[in-house]
Structures are given as C-alpha cells and as structure tokens.
PDB file of N, CA and C in Angstrom:
ATOM      1  N   SER A   1      30.808 108.187  57.662  1.00  0.00           N
ATOM      2  CA  SER A   1      29.367 108.017  58.343  1.00  0.00           C
ATOM      3  C   SER A   1      28.509 109.478  58.135  1.00  0.00           C
ATOM      4  N   VAL A   2      27.349 109.116  58.306  1.00  0.00           N
ATOM      5  CA  VAL A   2      26.550 110.532  57.916  1.00  0.00           C
ATOM      6  C   VAL A   2      26.338 110.723  59.669  1.00  0.00           C
ATOM      7  N   PRO A   3      26.880 112.295  60.188  1.00  0.00           N
ATOM      8  CA  PRO A   3      26.463 112.944  61.431  1.00  0.00           C
ATOM      9  C   PRO A   3      24.790 113.129  62.063  1.00  0.00           C
ATOM     10  N   LEU A   4      24.377 112.783  63.322  1.00  0.00           N
ATOM     11  CA  LEU A   4      23.312 112.466  63.399  1.00  0.00           C
ATOM     12  C   LEU A   4      22.646 113.922  63.519  1.00  0.00           C
ATOM     13  N   PRO A   5      21.265 114.348  63.729  1.00  0.00           N
ATOM     14  CA  PRO A   5      20.541 115.442  63.677  1.00  0.00           C
ATOM     15  C   PRO A   5      20.580 115.740  65.418  1.00  0.00           C
ATOM     16  N   PRO A   6      20.539 117.127  65.580  1.00  0.00           N
ATOM     17  CA  PRO A   6      20.736 117.535  67.031  1.00  0.00           C
ATOM     18  C   PRO A   6      19.732 116.549  67.624  1.00  0.00           C
ATOM     19  N   ALA A   7      18.786 116.719  67.013  1.00  0.00           N
ATOM     20  CA  ALA A   7      17.662 116.210  68.003  1.00  0.00           C
ATOM     21  C   ALA A   7      18.081 114.504  68.600  1.00  0.00           C
ATOM     22  N   GLN A   8      18.405 113.758  67.778  1.00  0.00           N
ATOM     23  CA  GLN A   8      19.074 112.537  68.358  1.00  0.00           C
ATOM     24  C   GLN A   8      19.971 112.476  68.634  1.00  0.00           C
ATOM     25  N   ASN A   9      20.938 113.424  68.290  1.00  0.00           N
ATOM     26  CA  ASN A   9      22.373 113.669  69.180  1.00  0.00           C
ATOM     27  C   ASN A   9      22.148 113.675  70.456  1.00  0.00           C
ATOM     28  N   SER A  10      21.412 114.628  71.103  1.00  0.00           N
ATOM     29  CA  SER A  10      20.918 114.792  72.407  1.00  0.00           C
ATOM     30  C   SER A  10      19.986 113.683  73.171  1.00  0.00           C
ATOM     31  N   ARG A  11      19.541 113.351  72.471  1.00  0.00           N
ATOM     32  CA  ARG A  11      18.521 111.815  72.889  1.00  0.00           C
ATOM     33  C   ARG A  11      19.288 110.654  73.135  1.00  0.00           C
ATOM     34  N   PHE A  12      20.540 110.652  72.264  1.00  0.00           N
ATOM     35  CA  PHE A  12      21.503 109.227  72.600  1.00  0.00           C
ATOM     36  C   PHE A  12      22.572 109.661  73.479  1.00  0.00           C
ATOM     37  N   ALA A  13      22.969 110.632  73.509  1.00  0.00           N
ATOM     38  CA  ALA A  13      23.887 111.479  74.435  1.00  0.00           C
ATOM     39  C   ALA A  13      23.816 110.815  75.941  1.00  0.00           C
ATOM     40  N   PRO A  14      22.537 111.121  76.299  1.00  0.00           N
ATOM     41  CA  PRO A  14      22.631 110.160  77.879  1.00  0.00           C
ATOM     42  C   PRO A  14      22.877 108.650  77.885  1.00  0.00           C
ATOM     43  N   ASN A  15      22.095 108.298  76.843  1.00  0.00           N
ATOM     44  CA  ASN A  15      22.063 106.784  76.820  1.00  0.00           C
ATOM     45  C   ASN A  15      23.437 106.569  76.835  1.00  0.00           C
ATOM     46  N   ARG A  16      24.164 107.049  75.746  1.00  0.00           N
ATOM     47  CA  ARG A  16      25.829 106.789  75.358  1.00  0.00           C
ATOM     48  C   ARG A  16      26.648 106.584  77.036  1.00  0.00           C
ATOM     49  N   LYS A  17      26.420 107.989  77.892  1.00  0.00           N
ATOM     50  CA  LYS A  17      26.852 108.063  79.013  1.00  0.00           C
ATOM     51  C   LYS A  17      26.695 106.918  79.853  1.00  0.00           C
ATOM     52  N   LEU A  18      25.188 106.548  79.888  1.00  0.00           N
ATOM     53  CA  LEU A  18      24.867 105.533  80.517  1.00  0.00           C
ATOM     54  C   LEU A  18      25.316 104.152  80.071  1.00  0.00           C
ATOM     55  N   MET A  19      25.925 103.858  79.358  1.00  0.00           N
ATOM     56  CA  MET A  19      26.309 102.697  78.668  1.00  0.00           C
ATOM     57  C   MET A  19      27.711 102.730  79.157  1.00  0.00           C
ATOM     58  N   GLY A  20      28.403 103.837  79.021  1.00  0.00           N
ATOM     59  CA  GLY A  20      29.953 104.267  79.460  1.00  0.00           C
ATOM     60  C   GLY A  20      30.035 104.017  80.920  1.00  0.00           C
ATOM     61  N   LEU A  21      28.826 104.483  81.830  1.00  0.00           N
ATOM     62  CA  LEU A  21      28.730 103.658  83.236  1.00  0.00           C
ATOM     63  C   LEU A  21      28.787 102.210  83.575  1.00  0.00           C
ATOM     64  N   MET A  22      27.925 101.615  82.955  1.00  0.00           N
ATOM     65  CA  MET A  22      27.179 100.310  83.014  1.00  0.00           C
ATOM     66  C   MET A  22      28.974  99.484  82.404  1.00  0.00           C
ATOM     67  N   THR A  23      29.217 100.250  81.833  1.00  0.00           N
ATOM     68  CA  THR A  23      30.499  98.979  81.193  1.00  0.00           C
ATOM     69  C   THR A  23      31.510  99.551  82.050  1.00  0.00           C
ATOM     70  N   SER A  24      31.816 100.244  82.461  1.00  0.00           N
ATOM     71  CA  SER A  24      32.501 100.487  83.921  1.00  0.00           C
ATOM     72  C   SER A  24      32.801 100.381  85.153  1.00  0.00           C
ATOM     73  N   LEU A  25      31.465 100.422  85.724  1.00  0.00           N
ATOM     74  CA  LEU A  25      31.104  99.670  86.823  1.00  0.00           C
ATOM     75  C   LEU A  25      31.354  98.528  87.109  1.00  0.00           C
ATOM     76  N   PRO A  26      30.929  97.073  86.570  1.00  0.00           N
ATOM     77  CA  PRO A  26      31.640  96.041  86.526  1.00  0.00           C
ATOM     78  C   PRO A  26      33.147  96.180  86.467  1.00  0.00           C
ATOM     79  N   LEU A  27      33.877  96.535  85.623  1.00  0.00           N
ATOM     80  CA  LEU A  27      35.442  96.827  85.510  1.00  0.00           C
ATOM     81  C   LEU A  27      35.697  97.075  86.686  1.00  0.00           C
ATOM     82  N   ALA A  28      35.184  97.721  86.837  1.00  0.00           N
ATOM     83  CA  ALA A  28      36.046  98.844  88.535  1.00  0.00           C
ATOM     84  C   ALA A  28      35.656  97.776  89.641  1.00  0.00           C
ATOM     85  N   SER A  29      34.127  97.012  89.869  1.00  0.00           N
ATOM     86  CA  SER A  29      34.126  96.053  90.737  1.00  0.00           C
ATOM     87  C   SER A  29      34.738  94.798  90.657  1.00  0.00           C
ATOM     88  N   SER A  30      35.359  94.455  89.453  1.00  0.00           N
ATOM     89  CA  SER A  30      35.732  93.095  89.299  1.00  0.00           C
ATOM     90  C   SER A  30      37.361  93.236  89.663  1.00  0.00           C
ATOM     91  N   SER A  31      37.750  94.612  89.334  1.00  0.00           N
ATOM     92  CA  SER A  31      39.172  94.928  89.780  1.00  0.00           C
ATOM     93  C   SER A  31      39.802  95.151  90.983  1.00  0.00           C
ATOM     94  N   SER A  32      38.826  95.745  91.878  1.00  0.00           N
ATOM     95  CA  SER A  32      38.891  96.293  93.446  1.00  0.00           C
ATOM     96  C   SER A  32      38.632  94.645  94.308  1.00  0.00           C
TER      97      SER A  32
END
C-alpha cells in the first residue's frame, strides 16, 4: 500500500476519528 501524503493524511485523520465515533456510539447505546 502506498503511504498517503501528509496533506491527505491530516485531512482524513479527523474523518477517521469521526467514523470511529459513529461506529462506537451505536454499539455503546445498543449494549447499555
């Protein structure tokens, strides 16, 4: 796999974090 340029990396970093939140939120709400 080719490493992403720093510009794209920083652009997708918050998006990836948001994706993690979106996937963990429903899991937490469904388990509790």
